[in-house]
Amino acid sequence: MGKSAYDRLVDALVAEGYLSDPALQQAFRRVRREDFLPPGMEMESAVNAPLPIGGGQTISQPMTVAFMLQLLAVRSGDRVLDVGSGSGWSTALLAHLVGPAGQVYAVERIPDLQRFGQGNVAKYGYANVTMVCGDGTLGLAEHAPFDRIQVAAAAAEVPSALRSQLKVGGRMVIPTQDEDLRLIVRRAKDEYNTTIYPGFLFVPLIEGK
């Protein structure tokens, strides 16, 4: 029996260098994109492009998700904040990567989408995920600090709350509305290093519920 179209997509991402980390390769093969799409769209899971999931939102392009997660460099046992969790695909990938000793906190602003994502993640039975509906620009101070923060919507500027909730030594990956992707590493209490990767278009990050 031949490989599925999705598995061939993962093979291509590996060959192109977007999935060089073996743990990330395993996560992509285990946490399958079709499980996070609206009914009737499962056959499109191997399309290497953003796809609509309702509410004017999208599930991100697999290549972009892979690139962001490689930059994030999640480790087993990490505490991770996932802002703009949407379909729940990245949340489940993160849950796989942090393992039973880690914890993922996911925030989605749109109630219907939050319920959709929570239902999708529940298919995998992860006990290390907490999903809430709220304003992701505020982070989740009650669960901070975080080893890693991933944001899946473009910010006009990096929210100060997210900066402050990042551990020293922690990493945040966030797109901005100038179509850049930023890797922010907190080097000390008041020292952040930023690396910019141009050419990434995301839906906007919106404040408020």
N, C-alpha and C. Protein backbone atom coordinates (compact mmCIF):
# COMPACT_ATOMS: atom_id res chain seq x y z
N MET A 1 0.85 -1.20 0.00
CA MET A 1 0.00 0.00 0.00
C MET A 1 0.89 1.25 0.00
N GLY A 2 0.62 2.18 -0.91
CA GLY A 2 1.45 3.36 -1.02
C GLY A 2 1.20 4.36 0.09
N LYS A 3 2.09 5.34 0.16
CA LYS A 3 1.96 6.38 1.18
C LYS A 3 0.79 7.30 0.85
N SER A 4 0.21 7.88 1.89
CA SER A 4 -0.85 8.86 1.69
C SER A 4 -0.25 10.16 1.16
N ALA A 5 -1.11 11.01 0.60
CA ALA A 5 -0.65 12.30 0.10
C ALA A 5 -0.04 13.14 1.22
N TYR A 6 -0.62 13.03 2.42
CA TYR A 6 -0.07 13.80 3.55
C TYR A 6 1.32 13.30 3.91
N ASP A 7 1.53 11.97 3.93
CA ASP A 7 2.85 11.44 4.25
C ASP A 7 3.88 11.85 3.20
N ARG A 8 3.44 11.92 1.95
CA ARG A 8 4.36 12.38 0.90
C ARG A 8 4.70 13.86 1.09
N LEU A 9 3.73 14.65 1.57
CA LEU A 9 4.01 16.05 1.88
C LEU A 9 5.05 16.15 2.99
N VAL A 10 4.90 15.35 4.04
CA VAL A 10 5.88 15.36 5.13
C VAL A 10 7.26 14.96 4.59
N ASP A 11 7.31 13.94 3.73
CA ASP A 11 8.58 13.55 3.11
C ASP A 11 9.22 14.72 2.38
N ALA A 12 8.39 15.48 1.66
CA ALA A 12 8.91 16.63 0.91
C ALA A 12 9.44 17.71 1.84
N LEU A 13 8.74 17.95 2.95
CA LEU A 13 9.20 18.94 3.93
C LEU A 13 10.53 18.51 4.55
N VAL A 14 10.69 17.21 4.77
CA VAL A 14 11.97 16.70 5.28
C VAL A 14 13.07 16.92 4.24
N ALA A 15 12.79 16.55 2.99
CA ALA A 15 13.78 16.67 1.92
C ALA A 15 14.20 18.12 1.69
N GLU A 16 13.26 19.05 1.90
CA GLU A 16 13.55 20.47 1.66
C GLU A 16 14.16 21.16 2.87
N GLY A 17 14.34 20.43 3.97
CA GLY A 17 15.01 20.98 5.14
C GLY A 17 14.11 21.67 6.14
N TYR A 18 12.79 21.63 5.92
CA TYR A 18 11.87 22.28 6.86
C TYR A 18 11.61 21.42 8.09
N LEU A 19 11.89 20.13 7.98
CA LEU A 19 11.68 19.20 9.10
C LEU A 19 12.96 18.40 9.31
N SER A 20 14.03 19.06 9.70
CA SER A 20 15.30 18.36 9.90
C SER A 20 15.39 17.70 11.27
N ASP A 21 14.58 18.15 12.22
CA ASP A 21 14.61 17.60 13.57
C ASP A 21 13.80 16.31 13.63
N PRO A 22 14.40 15.18 14.04
CA PRO A 22 13.67 13.90 14.06
C PRO A 22 12.42 13.93 14.94
N ALA A 23 12.47 14.63 16.07
CA ALA A 23 11.30 14.70 16.95
C ALA A 23 10.15 15.43 16.26
N LEU A 24 10.49 16.45 15.49
CA LEU A 24 9.46 17.21 14.77
C LEU A 24 8.90 16.38 13.61
N GLN A 25 9.75 15.62 12.95
CA GLN A 25 9.27 14.70 11.90
C GLN A 25 8.26 13.72 12.48
N GLN A 26 8.60 13.15 13.63
CA GLN A 26 7.70 12.19 14.27
C GLN A 26 6.37 12.85 14.64
N ALA A 27 6.44 14.08 15.16
CA ALA A 27 5.22 14.80 15.53
C ALA A 27 4.32 15.02 14.31
N PHE A 28 4.90 15.43 13.19
CA PHE A 28 4.11 15.66 11.98
C PHE A 28 3.47 14.38 11.46
N ARG A 29 4.15 13.26 11.60
CA ARG A 29 3.58 12.00 11.12
C ARG A 29 2.51 11.48 12.07
N ARG A 30 2.65 11.78 13.35
CA ARG A 30 1.68 11.30 14.34
C ARG A 30 0.43 12.19 14.39
N VAL A 31 0.63 13.51 14.39
CA VAL A 31 -0.47 14.47 14.53
C VAL A 31 -0.86 14.94 13.14
N ARG A 32 -1.88 14.34 12.58
CA ARG A 32 -2.17 14.48 11.16
C ARG A 32 -3.12 15.65 10.88
N ARG A 33 -2.76 16.43 9.90
CA ARG A 33 -3.48 17.67 9.61
C ARG A 33 -4.96 17.43 9.30
N GLU A 34 -5.29 16.29 8.69
CA GLU A 34 -6.69 16.05 8.32
C GLU A 34 -7.62 16.01 9.52
N ASP A 35 -7.07 15.71 10.71
CA ASP A 35 -7.88 15.64 11.92
C ASP A 35 -8.24 17.02 12.46
N PHE A 36 -7.74 18.08 11.82
CA PHE A 36 -7.94 19.44 12.31
C PHE A 36 -8.64 20.34 11.28
N LEU A 37 -9.21 19.71 10.26
CA LEU A 37 -9.92 20.44 9.22
C LEU A 37 -11.43 20.29 9.40
N PRO A 38 -12.21 21.25 8.91
CA PRO A 38 -13.67 21.12 8.97
C PRO A 38 -14.13 19.89 8.18
N PRO A 39 -15.29 19.34 8.53
CA PRO A 39 -15.82 18.17 7.82
C PRO A 39 -15.88 18.40 6.31
N GLY A 40 -15.47 17.38 5.57
CA GLY A 40 -15.49 17.46 4.12
C GLY A 40 -14.22 17.99 3.50
N MET A 41 -13.29 18.49 4.33
CA MET A 41 -12.04 19.05 3.81
C MET A 41 -10.84 18.13 4.03
N GLU A 42 -11.07 16.95 4.57
CA GLU A 42 -9.96 16.07 4.95
C GLU A 42 -9.03 15.76 3.77
N MET A 43 -9.60 15.65 2.58
CA MET A 43 -8.79 15.31 1.40
C MET A 43 -7.82 16.43 1.03
N GLU A 44 -8.02 17.62 1.58
CA GLU A 44 -7.14 18.74 1.27
C GLU A 44 -5.98 18.87 2.25
N SER A 45 -5.85 17.92 3.17
CA SER A 45 -4.83 18.04 4.23
C SER A 45 -3.42 18.11 3.69
N ALA A 46 -3.19 17.53 2.50
CA ALA A 46 -1.84 17.50 1.93
C ALA A 46 -1.53 18.73 1.08
N VAL A 47 -2.48 19.66 0.97
CA VAL A 47 -2.23 20.89 0.22
C VAL A 47 -1.31 21.78 1.04
N ASN A 48 -0.15 22.11 0.47
CA ASN A 48 0.83 22.92 1.21
C ASN A 48 0.47 24.40 1.09
N ALA A 49 -0.67 24.74 1.70
CA ALA A 49 -1.19 26.12 1.65
C ALA A 49 -2.11 26.30 2.84
N PRO A 50 -2.36 27.55 3.26
CA PRO A 50 -3.36 27.79 4.30
C PRO A 50 -4.74 27.36 3.80
N LEU A 51 -5.58 26.90 4.71
CA LEU A 51 -6.94 26.48 4.35
C LEU A 51 -7.93 27.12 5.31
N PRO A 52 -9.13 27.51 4.83
CA PRO A 52 -10.11 28.17 5.71
C PRO A 52 -10.70 27.20 6.72
N ILE A 53 -10.89 27.68 7.95
CA ILE A 53 -11.49 26.85 9.00
C ILE A 53 -12.68 27.54 9.65
N GLY A 54 -13.14 28.66 9.06
CA GLY A 54 -14.28 29.38 9.60
C GLY A 54 -13.88 30.61 10.37
N GLY A 55 -14.82 31.54 10.51
CA GLY A 55 -14.56 32.76 11.26
C GLY A 55 -13.51 33.66 10.64
N GLY A 56 -13.29 33.50 9.33
CA GLY A 56 -12.26 34.29 8.66
C GLY A 56 -10.85 33.86 9.00
N GLN A 57 -10.70 32.70 9.61
CA GLN A 57 -9.40 32.21 10.05
C GLN A 57 -8.95 31.04 9.18
N THR A 58 -7.68 30.68 9.29
CA THR A 58 -7.13 29.59 8.49
C THR A 58 -6.30 28.65 9.35
N ILE A 59 -6.13 27.42 8.84
CA ILE A 59 -5.10 26.53 9.36
C ILE A 59 -3.87 26.81 8.52
N SER A 60 -2.74 27.02 9.16
CA SER A 60 -1.55 27.52 8.47
C SER A 60 -0.98 26.49 7.48
N GLN A 61 -0.22 27.01 6.54
CA GLN A 61 0.50 26.19 5.57
C GLN A 61 1.45 25.24 6.31
N PRO A 62 1.47 23.95 5.98
CA PRO A 62 2.36 23.02 6.68
C PRO A 62 3.83 23.45 6.68
N MET A 63 4.31 23.98 5.55
CA MET A 63 5.69 24.44 5.49
C MET A 63 5.96 25.52 6.53
N THR A 64 5.00 26.44 6.70
CA THR A 64 5.16 27.52 7.67
C THR A 64 5.14 26.99 9.09
N VAL A 65 4.22 26.06 9.38
CA VAL A 65 4.15 25.46 10.71
C VAL A 65 5.46 24.76 11.04
N ALA A 66 6.00 24.01 10.07
CA ALA A 66 7.27 23.31 10.28
C ALA A 66 8.40 24.30 10.55
N PHE A 67 8.45 25.37 9.76
CA PHE A 67 9.51 26.37 9.92
C PHE A 67 9.43 27.03 11.29
N MET A 68 8.22 27.40 11.71
CA MET A 68 8.05 28.05 13.01
C MET A 68 8.45 27.12 14.15
N LEU A 69 8.04 25.86 14.06
CA LEU A 69 8.35 24.93 15.15
C LEU A 69 9.84 24.61 15.20
N GLN A 70 10.50 24.59 14.05
CA GLN A 70 11.96 24.40 14.09
C GLN A 70 12.64 25.59 14.76
N LEU A 71 12.16 26.80 14.47
CA LEU A 71 12.73 27.98 15.14
C LEU A 71 12.45 27.94 16.65
N LEU A 72 11.28 27.47 17.01
CA LEU A 72 10.89 27.45 18.42
C LEU A 72 11.76 26.48 19.22
N ALA A 73 12.18 25.38 18.58
CA ALA A 73 13.08 24.39 19.21
C ALA A 73 12.53 23.90 20.55
N VAL A 74 11.32 23.38 20.50
CA VAL A 74 10.65 22.89 21.71
C VAL A 74 11.37 21.65 22.25
N ARG A 75 11.49 21.58 23.57
CA ARG A 75 12.14 20.45 24.23
C ARG A 75 11.14 19.69 25.08
N SER A 76 11.42 18.43 25.30
CA SER A 76 10.61 17.63 26.21
C SER A 76 10.59 18.31 27.58
N GLY A 77 9.41 18.43 28.17
CA GLY A 77 9.27 19.05 29.48
C GLY A 77 9.02 20.53 29.47
N ASP A 78 9.05 21.16 28.29
CA ASP A 78 8.83 22.61 28.21
C ASP A 78 7.39 22.99 28.57
N ARG A 79 7.26 24.23 29.07
CA ARG A 79 5.96 24.86 29.27
C ARG A 79 5.78 25.85 28.12
N VAL A 80 4.72 25.65 27.32
CA VAL A 80 4.57 26.39 26.06
C VAL A 80 3.23 27.11 26.04
N LEU A 81 3.24 28.35 25.53
CA LEU A 81 2.02 29.11 25.28
C LEU A 81 1.80 29.17 23.78
N ASP A 82 0.60 28.77 23.34
CA ASP A 82 0.21 28.79 21.93
C ASP A 82 -0.90 29.82 21.76
N VAL A 83 -0.58 30.94 21.13
CA VAL A 83 -1.52 32.05 20.97
C VAL A 83 -2.14 32.00 19.58
N GLY A 84 -3.49 32.03 19.53
CA GLY A 84 -4.19 31.91 18.27
C GLY A 84 -4.23 30.46 17.83
N SER A 85 -4.73 29.61 18.72
CA SER A 85 -4.62 28.16 18.53
C SER A 85 -5.52 27.62 17.42
N GLY A 86 -6.58 28.35 17.06
CA GLY A 86 -7.37 28.01 15.89
C GLY A 86 -7.83 26.57 15.84
N SER A 87 -7.43 25.86 14.79
CA SER A 87 -7.85 24.48 14.57
C SER A 87 -7.33 23.51 15.62
N GLY A 88 -6.27 23.92 16.33
CA GLY A 88 -5.67 23.05 17.33
C GLY A 88 -4.51 22.21 16.81
N TRP A 89 -4.21 22.30 15.50
CA TRP A 89 -3.14 21.46 14.95
C TRP A 89 -1.79 21.76 15.60
N SER A 90 -1.40 23.03 15.65
CA SER A 90 -0.12 23.37 16.28
C SER A 90 -0.12 23.03 17.76
N THR A 91 -1.26 23.21 18.42
CA THR A 91 -1.37 22.86 19.84
C THR A 91 -1.06 21.39 20.05
N ALA A 92 -1.64 20.53 19.21
CA ALA A 92 -1.40 19.09 19.34
C ALA A 92 0.04 18.73 18.98
N LEU A 93 0.60 19.38 17.97
CA LEU A 93 2.02 19.15 17.64
C LEU A 93 2.90 19.52 18.83
N LEU A 94 2.61 20.66 19.46
CA LEU A 94 3.37 21.09 20.63
C LEU A 94 3.22 20.11 21.78
N ALA A 95 2.00 19.61 21.99
CA ALA A 95 1.76 18.64 23.07
C ALA A 95 2.58 17.38 22.86
N HIS A 96 2.68 16.95 21.61
CA HIS A 96 3.51 15.78 21.29
C HIS A 96 4.98 16.07 21.60
N LEU A 97 5.44 17.26 21.23
CA LEU A 97 6.85 17.61 21.40
C LEU A 97 7.26 17.77 22.86
N VAL A 98 6.40 18.36 23.69
CA VAL A 98 6.78 18.57 25.09
C VAL A 98 6.67 17.29 25.90
N GLY A 99 5.84 16.36 25.44
CA GLY A 99 5.71 15.08 26.13
C GLY A 99 4.95 15.18 27.44
N PRO A 100 4.80 14.05 28.14
CA PRO A 100 4.02 14.03 29.38
C PRO A 100 4.56 14.94 30.47
N ALA A 101 5.86 15.24 30.44
CA ALA A 101 6.45 16.10 31.47
C ALA A 101 6.26 17.58 31.18
N GLY A 102 5.80 17.91 29.99
CA GLY A 102 5.60 19.31 29.61
C GLY A 102 4.15 19.71 29.70
N GLN A 103 3.88 20.97 29.34
CA GLN A 103 2.51 21.49 29.39
C GLN A 103 2.34 22.52 28.29
N VAL A 104 1.20 22.45 27.61
CA VAL A 104 0.86 23.43 26.57
C VAL A 104 -0.41 24.16 26.99
N TYR A 105 -0.36 25.49 26.93
CA TYR A 105 -1.51 26.34 27.19
C TYR A 105 -1.86 27.04 25.88
N ALA A 106 -3.10 26.86 25.42
CA ALA A 106 -3.52 27.39 24.13
C ALA A 106 -4.64 28.40 24.32
N VAL A 107 -4.51 29.54 23.64
CA VAL A 107 -5.51 30.62 23.74
C VAL A 107 -6.05 30.94 22.36
N GLU A 108 -7.38 30.96 22.24
CA GLU A 108 -8.06 31.34 21.00
C GLU A 108 -9.14 32.35 21.33
N ARG A 109 -9.23 33.42 20.54
CA ARG A 109 -10.14 34.54 20.81
C ARG A 109 -11.58 34.25 20.39
N ILE A 110 -11.77 33.48 19.32
CA ILE A 110 -13.11 33.26 18.75
C ILE A 110 -13.74 32.02 19.39
N PRO A 111 -14.87 32.17 20.10
CA PRO A 111 -15.43 31.04 20.86
C PRO A 111 -15.71 29.80 20.02
N ASP A 112 -16.36 29.95 18.86
CA ASP A 112 -16.67 28.78 18.03
C ASP A 112 -15.40 28.08 17.57
N LEU A 113 -14.38 28.86 17.25
CA LEU A 113 -13.12 28.29 16.80
C LEU A 113 -12.38 27.62 17.96
N GLN A 114 -12.49 28.21 19.14
CA GLN A 114 -11.86 27.60 20.32
C GLN A 114 -12.47 26.23 20.59
N ARG A 115 -13.79 26.13 20.48
CA ARG A 115 -14.46 24.84 20.70
C ARG A 115 -14.07 23.83 19.61
N PHE A 116 -13.98 24.31 18.37
CA PHE A 116 -13.57 23.45 17.26
C PHE A 116 -12.17 22.89 17.51
N GLY A 117 -11.23 23.77 17.87
CA GLY A 117 -9.87 23.34 18.14
C GLY A 117 -9.77 22.40 19.32
N GLN A 118 -10.52 22.69 20.37
CA GLN A 118 -10.49 21.84 21.55
C GLN A 118 -11.00 20.44 21.22
N GLY A 119 -12.05 20.37 20.41
CA GLY A 119 -12.57 19.07 19.99
C GLY A 119 -11.58 18.30 19.15
N ASN A 120 -10.85 19.01 18.30
CA ASN A 120 -9.84 18.35 17.46
C ASN A 120 -8.70 17.79 18.30
N VAL A 121 -8.20 18.59 19.23
CA VAL A 121 -7.09 18.14 20.09
C VAL A 121 -7.52 16.95 20.94
N ALA A 122 -8.80 16.95 21.36
CA ALA A 122 -9.31 15.86 22.20
C ALA A 122 -9.23 14.51 21.51
N LYS A 123 -9.21 14.49 20.18
CA LYS A 123 -9.10 13.23 19.44
C LYS A 123 -7.81 12.49 19.79
N TYR A 124 -6.80 13.23 20.24
CA TYR A 124 -5.50 12.64 20.52
C TYR A 124 -5.28 12.31 21.99
N GLY A 125 -6.19 12.74 22.84
CA GLY A 125 -6.15 12.33 24.24
C GLY A 125 -4.99 12.88 25.05
N TYR A 126 -4.42 14.01 24.64
CA TYR A 126 -3.30 14.57 25.40
C TYR A 126 -3.77 15.10 26.76
N ALA A 127 -3.06 14.69 27.80
CA ALA A 127 -3.40 15.15 29.15
C ALA A 127 -2.61 16.39 29.54
N ASN A 128 -1.74 16.86 28.66
CA ASN A 128 -0.84 17.97 28.98
C ASN A 128 -1.23 19.25 28.26
N VAL A 129 -2.51 19.41 27.93
CA VAL A 129 -2.99 20.58 27.19
C VAL A 129 -4.12 21.26 27.95
N THR A 130 -4.02 22.59 28.07
CA THR A 130 -5.11 23.41 28.61
C THR A 130 -5.48 24.42 27.54
N MET A 131 -6.75 24.43 27.12
CA MET A 131 -7.20 25.32 26.05
C MET A 131 -8.26 26.27 26.58
N VAL A 132 -8.07 27.57 26.34
CA VAL A 132 -8.99 28.57 26.86
C VAL A 132 -9.38 29.55 25.76
N CYS A 133 -10.51 30.21 25.96
CA CYS A 133 -10.97 31.26 25.05
C CYS A 133 -10.65 32.61 25.69
N GLY A 134 -9.94 33.46 24.98
CA GLY A 134 -9.59 34.75 25.55
C GLY A 134 -8.70 35.56 24.63
N ASP A 135 -8.20 36.65 25.15
CA ASP A 135 -7.35 37.59 24.42
C ASP A 135 -5.90 37.12 24.50
N GLY A 136 -5.41 36.55 23.41
CA GLY A 136 -4.06 36.01 23.40
C GLY A 136 -2.97 37.05 23.56
N THR A 137 -3.27 38.32 23.24
CA THR A 137 -2.25 39.36 23.37
C THR A 137 -1.86 39.58 24.83
N LEU A 138 -2.72 39.14 25.75
CA LEU A 138 -2.44 39.28 27.18
C LEU A 138 -1.67 38.09 27.74
N GLY A 139 -1.53 37.04 26.92
CA GLY A 139 -0.88 35.83 27.41
C GLY A 139 -1.73 35.15 28.47
N LEU A 140 -1.06 34.39 29.33
CA LEU A 140 -1.71 33.75 30.48
C LEU A 140 -0.79 33.90 31.67
N ALA A 141 -0.87 35.07 32.31
CA ALA A 141 0.07 35.40 33.38
C ALA A 141 0.04 34.39 34.51
N GLU A 142 -1.14 33.79 34.75
CA GLU A 142 -1.26 32.85 35.87
C GLU A 142 -0.48 31.56 35.64
N HIS A 143 -0.09 31.30 34.39
CA HIS A 143 0.68 30.09 34.08
C HIS A 143 2.11 30.41 33.64
N ALA A 144 2.47 31.67 33.62
CA ALA A 144 3.82 32.10 33.23
C ALA A 144 4.81 31.82 34.36
N PRO A 145 6.11 31.79 34.05
CA PRO A 145 6.72 32.07 32.75
C PRO A 145 6.74 30.83 31.84
N PHE A 146 6.92 31.10 30.55
CA PHE A 146 6.91 30.04 29.55
C PHE A 146 8.30 29.85 28.94
N ASP A 147 8.64 28.60 28.67
CA ASP A 147 9.89 28.30 27.97
C ASP A 147 9.81 28.69 26.51
N ARG A 148 8.61 28.52 25.95
CA ARG A 148 8.39 28.81 24.53
C ARG A 148 7.02 29.46 24.35
N ILE A 149 6.95 30.43 23.44
CA ILE A 149 5.68 31.06 23.07
C ILE A 149 5.59 31.06 21.55
N GLN A 150 4.48 30.53 21.04
CA GLN A 150 4.23 30.57 19.60
C GLN A 150 2.97 31.39 19.35
N VAL A 151 3.03 32.29 18.38
CA VAL A 151 1.88 33.12 18.02
C VAL A 151 1.56 32.87 16.55
N ALA A 152 0.29 32.59 16.26
CA ALA A 152 -0.11 32.22 14.90
C ALA A 152 -0.95 33.29 14.22
N ALA A 153 -0.76 34.55 14.62
CA ALA A 153 -1.43 35.68 13.97
C ALA A 153 -0.47 36.86 14.01
N ALA A 154 -0.61 37.75 13.02
CA ALA A 154 0.37 38.82 12.84
C ALA A 154 0.08 40.01 13.74
N ALA A 155 1.06 40.38 14.54
CA ALA A 155 0.93 41.50 15.47
C ALA A 155 1.41 42.80 14.84
N ALA A 156 0.72 43.91 15.18
CA ALA A 156 1.21 45.22 14.76
C ALA A 156 2.56 45.49 15.44
N GLU A 157 2.66 45.08 16.69
CA GLU A 157 3.92 45.09 17.43
C GLU A 157 3.86 43.96 18.44
N VAL A 158 5.01 43.51 18.88
CA VAL A 158 5.05 42.36 19.80
C VAL A 158 4.43 42.77 21.14
N PRO A 159 3.37 42.08 21.58
CA PRO A 159 2.72 42.46 22.85
C PRO A 159 3.68 42.39 24.03
N SER A 160 3.68 43.44 24.85
CA SER A 160 4.58 43.49 26.01
C SER A 160 4.29 42.37 26.99
N ALA A 161 3.01 41.97 27.10
CA ALA A 161 2.65 40.89 28.03
C ALA A 161 3.33 39.59 27.63
N LEU A 162 3.42 39.34 26.34
CA LEU A 162 4.07 38.10 25.89
C LEU A 162 5.57 38.16 26.14
N ARG A 163 6.18 39.30 25.91
CA ARG A 163 7.61 39.45 26.22
C ARG A 163 7.87 39.16 27.70
N SER A 164 7.05 39.74 28.56
CA SER A 164 7.30 39.62 30.00
C SER A 164 7.05 38.21 30.50
N GLN A 165 6.20 37.43 29.80
CA GLN A 165 5.88 36.09 30.26
C GLN A 165 6.84 35.03 29.72
N LEU A 166 7.82 35.45 28.94
CA LEU A 166 8.84 34.54 28.42
C LEU A 166 9.96 34.38 29.43
N LYS A 167 10.34 33.15 29.71
CA LYS A 167 11.44 32.89 30.64
C LYS A 167 12.75 33.45 30.09
N VAL A 168 13.67 33.79 30.96
CA VAL A 168 15.03 34.07 30.52
C VAL A 168 15.59 32.79 29.90
N GLY A 169 16.11 32.91 28.70
CA GLY A 169 16.55 31.74 27.95
C GLY A 169 15.47 31.18 27.04
N GLY A 170 14.25 31.71 27.16
CA GLY A 170 13.12 31.22 26.37
C GLY A 170 13.09 31.81 24.97
N ARG A 171 12.26 31.20 24.13
CA ARG A 171 12.15 31.60 22.72
C ARG A 171 10.69 31.85 22.37
N MET A 172 10.46 32.91 21.60
CA MET A 172 9.12 33.22 21.08
C MET A 172 9.22 33.38 19.57
N VAL A 173 8.26 32.78 18.86
CA VAL A 173 8.15 32.96 17.42
C VAL A 173 6.82 33.65 17.15
N ILE A 174 6.88 34.82 16.49
CA ILE A 174 5.68 35.63 16.27
C ILE A 174 5.77 36.32 14.91
N PRO A 175 4.70 36.23 14.08
CA PRO A 175 4.67 37.01 12.84
C PRO A 175 4.22 38.44 13.12
N THR A 176 4.63 39.35 12.26
CA THR A 176 4.22 40.74 12.40
C THR A 176 3.55 41.20 11.11
N GLN A 177 2.84 42.32 11.19
CA GLN A 177 2.01 42.76 10.07
C GLN A 177 2.81 43.34 8.92
N ASP A 178 4.14 43.47 9.08
CA ASP A 178 4.99 43.84 7.95
C ASP A 178 5.47 42.60 7.20
N GLU A 179 4.79 41.46 7.45
CA GLU A 179 5.04 40.18 6.77
C GLU A 179 6.40 39.60 7.11
N ASP A 180 6.85 39.85 8.33
CA ASP A 180 8.05 39.21 8.86
C ASP A 180 7.66 38.17 9.90
N LEU A 181 8.53 37.20 10.07
CA LEU A 181 8.44 36.26 11.18
C LEU A 181 9.61 36.56 12.10
N ARG A 182 9.34 36.71 13.39
CA ARG A 182 10.40 37.10 14.33
C ARG A 182 10.65 35.99 15.34
N LEU A 183 11.91 35.67 15.51
CA LEU A 183 12.35 34.80 16.60
C LEU A 183 12.95 35.69 17.67
N ILE A 184 12.32 35.68 18.84
CA ILE A 184 12.77 36.52 19.96
C ILE A 184 13.30 35.61 21.06
N VAL A 185 14.53 35.84 21.47
CA VAL A 185 15.15 35.06 22.54
C VAL A 185 15.41 36.00 23.71
N ARG A 186 14.92 35.64 24.88
CA ARG A 186 15.13 36.47 26.07
C ARG A 186 16.47 36.07 26.70
N ARG A 187 17.45 36.95 26.60
CA ARG A 187 18.80 36.67 27.08
C ARG A 187 18.97 36.99 28.56
N ALA A 188 18.25 37.99 29.03
CA ALA A 188 18.32 38.42 30.43
C ALA A 188 17.01 39.13 30.74
N LYS A 189 16.85 39.59 31.99
CA LYS A 189 15.58 40.20 32.39
C LYS A 189 15.12 41.29 31.42
N ASP A 190 16.04 42.14 31.00
CA ASP A 190 15.68 43.25 30.12
C ASP A 190 16.43 43.19 28.78
N GLU A 191 16.84 41.99 28.38
CA GLU A 191 17.59 41.86 27.12
C GLU A 191 16.93 40.81 26.23
N TYR A 192 16.53 41.23 25.03
CA TYR A 192 15.91 40.35 24.05
C TYR A 192 16.67 40.45 22.73
N ASN A 193 16.97 39.33 22.13
CA ASN A 193 17.57 39.31 20.80
C ASN A 193 16.50 38.91 19.78
N THR A 194 16.43 39.62 18.66
CA THR A 194 15.43 39.35 17.64
C THR A 194 16.09 39.03 16.31
N THR A 195 15.66 37.93 15.70
CA THR A 195 16.08 37.57 14.34
C THR A 195 14.84 37.62 13.45
N ILE A 196 14.97 38.26 12.29
CA ILE A 196 13.82 38.47 11.41
C ILE A 196 13.94 37.59 10.16
N TYR A 197 12.83 36.94 9.84
CA TYR A 197 12.72 36.12 8.63
C TYR A 197 11.59 36.71 7.78
N PRO A 198 11.88 37.32 6.65
CA PRO A 198 10.85 38.00 5.86
C PRO A 198 10.00 37.04 5.03
N GLY A 199 8.81 37.53 4.64
CA GLY A 199 8.00 36.83 3.67
C GLY A 199 6.95 35.89 4.23
N PHE A 200 6.35 36.23 5.38
CA PHE A 200 5.32 35.39 5.99
C PHE A 200 4.05 36.20 6.22
N LEU A 201 2.96 35.76 5.62
CA LEU A 201 1.68 36.47 5.71
C LEU A 201 0.71 35.70 6.59
N PHE A 202 0.19 36.34 7.64
CA PHE A 202 -0.75 35.73 8.58
C PHE A 202 -1.97 36.62 8.74
N VAL A 203 -3.07 36.01 9.22
CA VAL A 203 -4.22 36.82 9.63
C VAL A 203 -3.78 37.70 10.80
N PRO A 204 -4.44 38.86 11.01
CA PRO A 204 -3.99 39.78 12.07
C PRO A 204 -4.28 39.27 13.48
N LEU A 205 -3.40 39.60 14.40
CA LEU A 205 -3.60 39.35 15.82
C LEU A 205 -4.45 40.49 16.38
N ILE A 206 -5.60 40.13 16.97
CA ILE A 206 -6.57 41.14 17.41
C ILE A 206 -6.68 41.12 18.92
N GLU A 207 -6.65 42.30 19.53
CA GLU A 207 -6.82 42.41 20.97
C GLU A 207 -8.29 42.26 21.34
N GLY A 208 -8.53 41.84 22.57
CA GLY A 208 -9.89 41.73 23.08
C GLY A 208 -10.50 40.39 22.78
N LYS A 209 -11.64 40.14 23.44
CA LYS A 209 -12.35 38.87 23.26
C LYS A 209 -13.26 38.93 22.04
